[in-house]
Protein backbone atom coordinates (compact mmCIF):
# COMPACT_ATOMS: atom_id res chain seq x y z
CA UNK A 1 0.82 -3.83 16.80
CA UNK A 2 0.68 -6.93 14.48
CA UNK A 3 0.11 -10.29 16.37
CA UNK A 4 2.11 -13.20 15.38
CA UNK A 5 -0.25 -16.40 15.39
CA UNK A 6 1.53 -19.64 15.94
CA UNK A 7 0.34 -23.27 16.60
CA UNK A 8 2.10 -26.49 17.58
CA UNK A 9 1.52 -30.04 18.72
CA UNK A 10 3.08 -31.90 21.51
CA UNK A 11 2.62 -34.06 24.47
CA UNK A 12 4.27 -35.15 27.63
CA UNK A 13 7.52 -36.41 25.97
CA UNK A 14 8.15 -33.07 24.34
CA UNK A 15 6.96 -30.86 27.14
CA UNK A 16 10.58 -29.53 27.89
CA UNK A 17 11.17 -28.67 24.17
CA UNK A 18 7.61 -27.17 23.89
CA UNK A 19 8.34 -24.86 26.91
CA UNK A 20 11.72 -23.78 25.41
CA UNK A 21 9.87 -22.91 22.16
CA UNK A 22 7.40 -20.91 24.14
CA UNK A 23 10.03 -19.08 26.10
CA UNK A 24 11.83 -18.14 23.00
CA UNK A 25 8.73 -16.59 21.56
CA UNK A 26 8.18 -14.64 24.94
CA UNK A 27 11.75 -13.41 24.59
CA UNK A 28 11.85 -12.43 20.84
CA UNK A 29 8.31 -11.97 19.55
CA UNK A 30 6.87 -8.53 20.40
CA UNK A 31 3.32 -9.68 20.21
CA UNK A 32 2.24 -13.25 19.64
CA UNK A 33 -0.21 -16.08 20.45
CA UNK A 34 0.51 -19.67 20.48
CA UNK A 35 -1.98 -22.51 20.34
CA UNK A 36 -0.91 -25.81 21.78
CA UNK A 37 -2.52 -28.98 20.76
CA UNK A 38 -1.95 -31.40 23.77
CA UNK A 39 -1.49 -34.97 22.71
CA UNK A 40 -2.34 -36.33 26.26
CA UNK A 41 -3.94 -35.27 29.49
CA UNK A 42 -0.74 -35.17 31.48
CA UNK A 43 0.66 -32.39 29.27
CA UNK A 44 -2.75 -30.49 29.11
CA UNK A 45 -3.09 -30.56 32.96
CA UNK A 46 0.48 -29.54 33.53
CA UNK A 47 0.30 -26.64 31.06
CA UNK A 48 -3.03 -25.53 32.66
CA UNK A 49 -1.23 -25.19 36.16
CA UNK A 50 1.58 -23.03 34.45
CA UNK A 51 -1.07 -20.72 33.09
CA UNK A 52 1.25 -19.44 30.26
CA UNK A 53 0.65 -15.87 28.87
CA UNK A 54 -0.63 -15.66 25.32
CA UNK A 55 -1.32 -19.40 25.12
CA UNK A 56 -4.49 -21.28 24.17
CA UNK A 57 -4.57 -25.01 25.09
CA UNK A 58 -6.40 -27.40 22.77
CA UNK A 59 -7.22 -30.87 23.99
CA UNK A 60 -6.67 -33.57 21.34
CA UNK A 61 -10.24 -34.55 21.49
CA UNK A 62 -11.23 -31.16 20.15
CA UNK A 63 -9.71 -31.73 16.68
CA UNK A 64 -10.10 -35.55 16.38
CA UNK A 65 -12.93 -36.69 14.28
CA UNK A 66 -14.06 -40.24 13.02
CA UNK A 67 -11.47 -40.12 10.04
CA UNK A 68 -8.58 -39.32 12.28
CA UNK A 69 -9.71 -41.82 14.91
CA UNK A 70 -9.95 -44.53 12.15
CA UNK A 71 -6.34 -44.12 11.31
CA UNK A 72 -4.93 -43.53 14.72
CA UNK A 73 -4.16 -47.25 15.64
CA UNK A 74 -2.25 -47.61 12.45
CA UNK A 75 0.23 -44.82 13.23
CA UNK A 76 2.95 -44.46 15.78
CA UNK A 77 2.54 -41.40 18.05
CA UNK A 78 4.83 -39.36 15.96
CA UNK A 79 3.06 -40.35 12.59
CA UNK A 80 -0.19 -39.45 14.14
CA UNK A 81 1.02 -36.02 15.24
CA UNK A 82 2.19 -35.46 11.57
CA UNK A 83 -1.32 -36.45 10.40
CA UNK A 84 -2.78 -33.95 12.78
CA UNK A 85 -1.06 -30.74 11.44
CA UNK A 86 -3.58 -29.74 9.04
CA UNK A 87 -6.51 -30.61 11.03
CA UNK A 88 -5.17 -28.43 13.78
CA UNK A 89 -4.62 -25.43 11.51
CA UNK A 90 -8.07 -25.87 9.99
CA UNK A 91 -9.58 -26.12 13.44
CA UNK A 92 -8.01 -22.79 14.56
CA UNK A 93 -8.83 -20.94 11.40
CA UNK A 94 -12.35 -22.09 11.55
CA UNK A 95 -12.93 -21.28 15.22
CA UNK A 96 -11.01 -18.20 15.75
CA UNK A 97 -12.11 -15.63 13.10
CA UNK A 98 -9.67 -13.01 14.10
CA UNK A 99 -6.81 -14.99 13.09
CA UNK A 100 -5.98 -13.93 9.49
CA UNK A 101 -2.71 -15.78 9.28
CA UNK A 102 -1.39 -18.79 11.18
CA UNK A 103 1.94 -20.54 11.19
CA UNK A 104 2.28 -24.13 12.34
CA UNK A 105 5.74 -24.59 14.15
CA UNK A 106 7.04 -28.05 15.30
CA UNK A 107 7.65 -28.24 19.08
CA UNK A 108 11.39 -28.67 18.76
CA UNK A 109 12.02 -25.17 17.16
CA UNK A 110 13.60 -22.33 19.01
CA UNK A 111 13.52 -18.66 18.04
CA UNK A 112 16.87 -16.68 18.32
CA UNK A 113 15.48 -13.39 17.07
CA UNK A 114 12.19 -11.47 16.11
CA UNK A 115 10.09 -13.67 13.76
CA UNK A 116 9.05 -10.49 11.86
CA UNK A 117 11.21 -11.14 8.78
CA UNK A 118 9.15 -14.31 8.24
CA UNK A 119 5.79 -12.18 8.14
CA UNK A 120 7.40 -9.54 6.00
CA UNK A 121 8.59 -12.24 3.48
CA UNK A 122 5.11 -13.98 3.51
CA UNK A 123 3.12 -10.69 3.37
CA UNK A 124 2.08 -11.05 -0.21
CA UNK A 125 1.33 -14.61 -0.34
CA UNK A 126 -1.15 -17.22 0.84
CA UNK A 127 1.10 -20.24 1.84
CA UNK A 128 4.57 -20.06 3.29
CA UNK A 129 7.12 -22.93 3.08
CA UNK A 130 10.98 -23.36 3.41
CA UNK A 131 13.46 -25.37 1.29
CA UNK A 132 15.31 -27.97 3.14
CA UNK A 133 18.68 -27.16 1.36
CA UNK A 134 20.03 -30.63 2.47
CA UNK A 135 23.53 -31.24 3.25
CA UNK A 136 25.22 -33.95 1.18
CA UNK A 137 25.32 -36.55 3.95
CA UNK A 138 21.56 -36.28 4.77
CA UNK A 139 19.10 -38.62 3.18
CA UNK A 140 16.53 -37.05 0.79
CA UNK A 141 13.29 -36.30 2.64
CA UNK A 142 11.72 -33.74 0.10
CA UNK A 143 12.34 -30.42 -1.17
CA UNK A 144 10.50 -28.55 1.45
CA UNK A 145 10.51 -28.77 5.31
CA UNK A 146 7.13 -29.32 7.07
CA UNK A 147 8.43 -27.92 10.58
CA UNK A 148 7.42 -24.36 9.79
CA UNK A 149 4.51 -23.55 7.29
CA UNK A 150 2.15 -20.69 7.10
CA UNK A 151 -1.30 -20.29 5.87
CA UNK A 152 -3.51 -17.21 5.37
CA UNK A 153 -7.32 -17.21 5.67
CA UNK A 154 -8.13 -17.36 2.22
CA UNK A 155 -9.74 -19.96 -0.13
CA UNK A 156 -6.52 -21.01 -1.56
CA UNK A 157 -4.90 -21.85 1.68
CA UNK A 158 -8.07 -23.72 2.76
CA UNK A 159 -8.05 -25.71 -0.37
CA UNK A 160 -4.41 -26.66 0.35
CA UNK A 161 -5.11 -27.72 3.84
CA UNK A 162 -8.02 -29.89 2.93
CA UNK A 163 -5.83 -31.53 0.22
CA UNK A 164 -2.96 -32.05 2.65
CA UNK A 165 -5.39 -33.44 5.30
CA UNK A 166 -6.83 -35.94 2.90
CA UNK A 167 -3.51 -37.18 1.55
CA UNK A 168 -2.24 -37.58 5.22
CA UNK A 169 -5.22 -39.61 6.11
CA UNK A 170 -4.57 -41.92 3.25
CA UNK A 171 -0.63 -42.22 4.00
CA UNK A 172 1.43 -40.76 6.59
CA UNK A 173 4.23 -42.87 7.91
CA UNK A 174 7.84 -42.50 8.97
CA UNK A 175 9.30 -44.16 6.14
CA UNK A 176 10.27 -43.48 2.49
CA UNK A 177 7.81 -44.76 -0.19
CA UNK A 178 8.76 -43.17 -3.55
CA UNK A 179 8.47 -39.49 -3.15
CA UNK A 180 6.46 -39.93 0.04
CA UNK A 181 7.85 -39.38 3.62
CA UNK A 182 5.58 -38.61 6.63
CA UNK A 183 3.51 -35.53 5.96
CA UNK A 184 6.48 -33.55 4.31
CA UNK A 185 6.65 -35.37 0.99
CA UNK A 186 3.20 -33.92 -0.14
CA UNK A 187 4.84 -30.37 0.02
CA UNK A 188 6.78 -31.05 -3.07
CA UNK A 189 3.53 -30.64 -4.95
CA UNK A 190 2.21 -27.39 -3.51
CA UNK A 191 3.94 -24.92 -5.80
CA UNK A 192 2.33 -26.62 -8.74
CA UNK A 193 -1.14 -27.31 -7.42
CA UNK A 194 -1.61 -24.06 -5.46
CA UNK A 195 -1.13 -20.30 -6.06
CA UNK A 196 0.77 -17.58 -4.10
CA UNK A 197 3.12 -20.19 -2.46
CA UNK A 198 5.93 -18.16 -0.92
CA UNK A 199 9.16 -20.10 -0.71
CA UNK A 200 11.43 -18.48 1.71
CA UNK A 201 14.82 -17.19 0.50
CA UNK A 202 15.95 -16.26 4.09
CA UNK A 203 18.86 -18.68 5.23
CA UNK A 204 18.05 -17.83 8.80
CA UNK A 205 14.55 -19.35 8.86
CA UNK A 206 14.21 -22.99 9.80
CA UNK A 207 17.69 -24.01 9.56
CA UNK A 208 18.53 -27.36 11.26
CA UNK A 209 21.03 -30.22 11.35
CA UNK A 210 20.04 -31.31 7.96
CA UNK A 211 21.48 -28.23 6.42
CA UNK A 212 23.66 -26.42 8.96
CA UNK A 213 26.56 -28.45 7.69
CA UNK A 214 26.46 -26.42 4.43
CA UNK A 215 27.51 -23.36 6.35
CA UNK A 216 29.69 -24.64 9.23
CA UNK A 217 33.48 -23.80 8.91
CA UNK A 218 32.78 -21.42 6.04
CA UNK A 219 32.44 -17.62 6.04
CA UNK A 220 28.74 -18.15 5.52
CA UNK A 221 28.36 -18.97 9.19
CA UNK A 222 29.50 -16.19 11.34
CA UNK A 223 28.91 -14.53 14.74
CA UNK A 224 28.59 -10.72 15.20
CA UNK A 225 28.05 -9.11 18.63
CA UNK A 226 26.91 -12.56 19.94
CA UNK A 227 24.31 -13.08 17.11
CA UNK A 228 24.54 -15.90 14.45
CA UNK A 229 24.30 -15.10 10.73
CA UNK A 230 23.83 -17.50 7.89
CA UNK A 231 24.60 -16.22 4.54
CA UNK A 232 24.42 -12.71 6.02
CA UNK A 233 20.94 -13.46 7.30
CA UNK A 234 20.35 -13.19 11.08
CA UNK A 235 19.38 -16.57 12.64
CA UNK A 236 15.63 -16.48 13.39
CA UNK A 237 14.66 -19.81 14.10
CA UNK A 238 16.62 -23.23 14.47
CA UNK A 239 15.01 -26.68 14.31
CA UNK A 240 16.45 -28.98 16.76
CA UNK A 241 15.43 -32.16 14.94
CA UNK A 242 16.99 -35.26 16.43
CA UNK A 243 17.84 -33.52 19.83
CA UNK A 244 17.58 -36.11 22.58
CA UNK A 245 17.49 -35.28 26.36
CA UNK A 246 19.23 -38.12 28.19
CA UNK A 247 18.88 -36.28 31.48
CA UNK A 248 19.30 -32.86 32.99
CA UNK A 249 22.95 -32.58 31.89
CA UNK A 250 23.58 -35.11 29.13
CA UNK A 251 22.21 -34.91 25.63
CA UNK A 252 22.48 -36.36 22.08
CA UNK A 253 22.63 -33.15 20.05
CA UNK A 254 21.31 -34.80 16.84
CA UNK A 255 20.72 -38.55 16.71
CA UNK A 256 21.41 -38.55 12.76
CA UNK A 257 24.07 -36.00 12.35
CA UNK A 258 27.02 -34.10 14.05
CA UNK A 259 27.50 -30.49 14.43
CA UNK A 260 30.82 -28.63 14.84
CA UNK A 261 31.99 -26.47 17.91
CA UNK A 262 30.86 -23.21 16.54
CA UNK A 263 27.29 -24.39 16.14
CA UNK A 264 27.41 -25.97 19.57
CA UNK A 265 28.65 -22.82 21.25
CA UNK A 266 26.37 -20.41 19.62
CA UNK A 267 23.18 -22.40 18.91
CA UNK A 268 23.06 -25.64 20.96
CA UNK A 269 24.33 -24.46 24.32
CA UNK A 270 21.81 -21.56 24.65
CA UNK A 271 19.22 -24.07 23.73
CA UNK A 272 20.46 -26.62 26.27
CA UNK A 273 20.11 -23.82 29.03
CA UNK A 274 16.57 -23.23 27.97
CA UNK A 275 15.93 -26.97 28.22
CA UNK A 276 17.28 -27.18 31.69
CA UNK A 277 15.24 -24.19 32.75
CA UNK A 278 12.19 -25.99 31.44
CA UNK A 279 13.11 -29.06 33.32
CA UNK A 280 13.47 -27.07 36.55
CA UNK A 281 10.05 -25.33 35.87
CA UNK A 282 8.26 -28.70 35.33
CA UNK A 283 9.94 -30.31 38.48
CA UNK A 284 8.88 -27.33 40.56
CA UNK A 285 5.29 -28.10 39.80
CA UNK A 286 5.53 -31.94 39.68
CA UNK A 287 8.72 -33.33 41.16
CA UNK A 288 7.59 -36.93 40.03
CA UNK A 289 7.55 -35.90 36.35
CA UNK A 290 9.74 -38.40 34.47
CA UNK A 291 8.74 -37.93 30.83
CA UNK A 292 10.84 -36.36 28.23
CA UNK A 293 14.08 -38.10 28.97
CA UNK A 294 15.42 -40.91 26.96
CA UNK A 295 14.11 -44.23 28.56
CA UNK A 296 17.46 -46.17 28.63
CA UNK A 297 20.13 -43.83 29.57
CA UNK A 298 23.21 -46.22 29.23
CA UNK A 299 22.08 -47.55 25.89
CA UNK A 300 21.19 -44.10 24.62
CA UNK A 301 24.81 -42.84 25.75
CA UNK A 302 26.30 -45.70 23.61
CA UNK A 303 24.18 -45.07 20.66
CA UNK A 304 24.31 -41.35 20.64
CA UNK A 305 25.43 -39.88 17.41
CA UNK A 306 26.80 -36.71 19.13
CA UNK A 307 26.90 -37.15 22.99
CA UNK A 308 27.39 -33.93 24.83
CA UNK A 309 27.54 -33.30 28.51
CA UNK A 310 26.78 -29.80 29.95
CA UNK A 311 26.61 -28.33 33.37
CA UNK A 312 25.40 -24.71 33.90
CA UNK A 313 27.07 -24.28 37.18
């Protein structure tokens, strides 16, 4: 059986989301392996105690070199994690020769069905990317989305990764500067610079709050037998960008956009339940764990773009 190889990056503040991602792969991927680059020792030691099946933990120090360390202090933790994407993929492809294709996925993704259609669509190519398909109310942040990207073990993909790594070392900040924005703006150039770039045409892959508004309240968003379809494509993976955990029962569904009732009921509530399970699992190991929640609850409630309270009683 073909094995799906994924990698991601997160630390203690993303531990609940990262566990939800892992659990979704456990549920929907028939055969997978997930490499997790742990941004801090707290997340590393906690995940070691969990002894997750089909997971390899990579300490941050394993992929850091002098060039990365030289820019670390000039980047926020989020900006530095963006900068680490290509070094992580290069590290895995260089050290695990049995991995012939590797997909990087952000820690706030969640799979709703088998990722096999992603592999099928990518099968004939070297690099896999998804268009953003931005809704009108979302600020432009590039043509392609960097939360789910794939690389084969070939010279073309390695060339792309090295180019991306160099560019992100030069500039990778959470602000707009011409066509640049974080690590993502660089993806605009990939189809012209590199060969065999597969651009996904599946609407169910890497949908998120920046584009779900294109489909809400239209026939393009429908539910059949409990499964969500977008443009007749089964929802495979949703990107919970902007999702804020205030506490175990209160959330800001997206700090920069709102979603409608159908999206909440069929996409967000199942995710919230998984987040709550992850919180319970962490607390069962370390009941003093306080990371992953908004630091100032009252202020966060007032500032929430889409405040939502949920109890799974």
